[in-house]
């Protein structure tokens, strides 16, 4: 599973960054950016995002 951030929906609130157990998400220029190499596909960011801007990719 790849995690995809919809940059149009992302407000850069940082909820995903705070919730990520492996620190794979950073907010840069007010948008969430996922480090795919660090991400362990746990889905926490998908559940935590209040804007529903994060989803499973293919």
N, C-alpha and C. Protein backbone atom coordinates (compact mmCIF):
# COMPACT_ATOMS: atom_id res chain seq x y z
N UNK A 1 0.85 -1.18 0.00
CA UNK A 1 0.00 0.00 0.00
C UNK A 1 0.89 1.24 0.00
N UNK A 2 0.62 2.12 -0.89
CA UNK A 2 1.29 3.41 -0.90
C UNK A 2 0.31 4.43 -0.33
N UNK A 3 0.80 5.35 0.44
CA UNK A 3 -0.05 6.38 1.02
C UNK A 3 0.03 7.62 0.13
N UNK A 4 -1.13 8.13 -0.24
CA UNK A 4 -1.22 9.28 -1.13
C UNK A 4 -1.85 10.46 -0.39
N UNK A 5 -1.24 11.63 -0.52
CA UNK A 5 -1.79 12.85 0.07
C UNK A 5 -2.38 13.69 -1.06
N UNK A 6 -3.66 14.00 -0.93
CA UNK A 6 -4.33 14.89 -1.88
C UNK A 6 -3.97 16.32 -1.48
N UNK A 7 -3.07 16.92 -2.23
CA UNK A 7 -2.57 18.25 -1.89
C UNK A 7 -3.65 19.32 -1.97
N UNK A 8 -4.71 19.07 -2.70
CA UNK A 8 -5.82 20.02 -2.77
C UNK A 8 -6.62 20.04 -1.46
N UNK A 9 -6.73 18.88 -0.82
CA UNK A 9 -7.50 18.78 0.43
C UNK A 9 -6.66 19.07 1.67
N UNK A 10 -5.36 18.80 1.59
CA UNK A 10 -4.48 18.95 2.75
C UNK A 10 -4.36 20.41 3.17
N UNK A 11 -4.60 20.66 4.47
CA UNK A 11 -4.49 22.01 5.01
C UNK A 11 -3.20 22.24 5.79
N UNK A 12 -2.39 21.18 5.92
CA UNK A 12 -1.13 21.30 6.64
C UNK A 12 -1.30 21.40 8.15
N UNK A 13 -2.39 20.84 8.67
CA UNK A 13 -2.68 20.96 10.09
C UNK A 13 -1.69 20.22 10.99
N UNK A 14 -1.04 19.18 10.44
CA UNK A 14 -0.03 18.45 11.21
C UNK A 14 -0.54 17.27 12.01
N UNK A 15 -1.83 17.00 11.95
CA UNK A 15 -2.39 15.88 12.71
C UNK A 15 -1.76 14.56 12.29
N UNK A 16 -1.56 14.38 11.00
CA UNK A 16 -0.95 13.14 10.50
C UNK A 16 0.51 13.04 10.96
N UNK A 17 1.21 14.14 10.94
CA UNK A 17 2.61 14.17 11.36
C UNK A 17 2.73 13.79 12.83
N UNK A 18 1.85 14.34 13.65
CA UNK A 18 1.87 14.04 15.08
C UNK A 18 1.49 12.59 15.36
N UNK A 19 0.58 12.03 14.56
CA UNK A 19 0.09 10.69 14.81
C UNK A 19 0.93 9.57 14.24
N UNK A 20 1.82 9.88 13.30
CA UNK A 20 2.60 8.84 12.64
C UNK A 20 3.60 8.21 13.62
N UNK A 21 3.48 6.89 13.85
CA UNK A 21 4.36 6.24 14.83
C UNK A 21 5.81 6.10 14.38
N UNK A 22 6.08 6.24 13.09
CA UNK A 22 7.45 6.10 12.59
C UNK A 22 8.00 7.40 12.00
N UNK A 23 7.28 8.50 12.21
CA UNK A 23 7.70 9.83 11.75
C UNK A 23 7.97 9.86 10.25
N UNK A 24 7.07 9.23 9.48
CA UNK A 24 7.22 9.17 8.02
C UNK A 24 6.56 10.34 7.31
N UNK A 25 5.85 11.17 8.06
CA UNK A 25 5.17 12.32 7.45
C UNK A 25 5.70 13.61 8.06
N UNK A 26 6.00 14.54 7.18
CA UNK A 26 6.43 15.87 7.60
C UNK A 26 5.55 16.88 6.88
N UNK A 27 5.25 17.98 7.55
CA UNK A 27 4.52 19.06 6.90
C UNK A 27 5.56 20.05 6.40
N UNK A 28 5.57 20.23 5.08
CA UNK A 28 6.49 21.16 4.43
C UNK A 28 5.67 22.11 3.57
N UNK A 29 5.93 23.38 3.70
CA UNK A 29 5.18 24.40 2.95
C UNK A 29 3.67 24.21 3.11
N UNK A 30 3.26 23.90 4.34
CA UNK A 30 1.85 23.75 4.71
C UNK A 30 1.15 22.60 4.00
N UNK A 31 1.91 21.57 3.62
CA UNK A 31 1.35 20.36 3.01
C UNK A 31 2.07 19.14 3.56
N UNK A 32 1.33 18.06 3.76
CA UNK A 32 1.92 16.81 4.25
C UNK A 32 2.69 16.12 3.14
N UNK A 33 3.88 15.63 3.50
CA UNK A 33 4.73 14.90 2.57
C UNK A 33 5.10 13.58 3.23
N UNK A 34 4.87 12.47 2.52
CA UNK A 34 5.14 11.14 3.06
C UNK A 34 6.48 10.63 2.54
N UNK A 35 7.32 10.15 3.46
CA UNK A 35 8.57 9.49 3.09
C UNK A 35 8.23 8.01 2.91
N UNK A 36 8.11 7.58 1.67
CA UNK A 36 7.68 6.22 1.35
C UNK A 36 8.63 5.16 1.90
N UNK A 37 9.89 5.48 2.02
CA UNK A 37 10.86 4.51 2.53
C UNK A 37 10.71 4.29 4.03
N UNK A 38 10.24 5.29 4.74
CA UNK A 38 10.06 5.19 6.19
C UNK A 38 8.68 4.65 6.55
N UNK A 39 7.69 4.95 5.73
CA UNK A 39 6.30 4.55 5.98
C UNK A 39 6.17 3.03 6.10
N UNK A 40 5.44 2.58 7.12
CA UNK A 40 5.22 1.15 7.34
C UNK A 40 3.78 0.74 7.01
N UNK A 41 3.06 1.60 6.32
CA UNK A 41 1.70 1.31 5.86
C UNK A 41 0.74 0.92 6.97
N UNK A 42 0.84 1.58 8.10
CA UNK A 42 -0.03 1.24 9.22
C UNK A 42 -1.43 1.83 9.09
N UNK A 43 -1.56 2.92 8.30
CA UNK A 43 -2.86 3.54 8.09
C UNK A 43 -3.28 4.54 9.14
N UNK A 44 -2.43 4.80 10.12
CA UNK A 44 -2.78 5.76 11.18
C UNK A 44 -3.07 7.14 10.60
N UNK A 45 -2.27 7.57 9.66
CA UNK A 45 -2.47 8.91 9.07
C UNK A 45 -3.80 9.01 8.34
N UNK A 46 -4.21 7.92 7.70
CA UNK A 46 -5.49 7.91 6.98
C UNK A 46 -6.64 8.11 7.97
N UNK A 47 -6.56 7.42 9.09
CA UNK A 47 -7.60 7.52 10.12
C UNK A 47 -7.59 8.88 10.81
N UNK A 48 -6.42 9.45 11.01
CA UNK A 48 -6.27 10.69 11.77
C UNK A 48 -6.62 11.95 10.99
N UNK A 49 -6.48 11.93 9.69
CA UNK A 49 -6.63 13.15 8.89
C UNK A 49 -8.06 13.69 8.95
N UNK A 50 -8.24 14.90 9.51
CA UNK A 50 -9.59 15.46 9.62
C UNK A 50 -10.16 15.91 8.27
N UNK A 51 -9.30 16.13 7.30
CA UNK A 51 -9.74 16.59 5.97
C UNK A 51 -9.93 15.43 5.00
N UNK A 52 -9.63 14.20 5.45
CA UNK A 52 -9.69 13.02 4.57
C UNK A 52 -8.83 13.21 3.32
N UNK A 53 -7.67 13.84 3.53
CA UNK A 53 -6.76 14.13 2.42
C UNK A 53 -5.76 13.01 2.16
N UNK A 54 -5.75 12.00 3.02
CA UNK A 54 -4.79 10.90 2.87
C UNK A 54 -5.55 9.62 2.59
N UNK A 55 -5.06 8.88 1.62
CA UNK A 55 -5.72 7.64 1.25
C UNK A 55 -4.68 6.60 0.83
N UNK A 56 -5.16 5.36 0.67
CA UNK A 56 -4.32 4.29 0.16
C UNK A 56 -4.18 4.46 -1.33
N UNK A 57 -2.97 4.35 -1.80
CA UNK A 57 -2.74 4.38 -3.24
C UNK A 57 -2.71 2.96 -3.77
N UNK A 58 -2.15 2.81 -4.94
CA UNK A 58 -2.07 1.47 -5.53
C UNK A 58 -0.66 0.94 -5.49
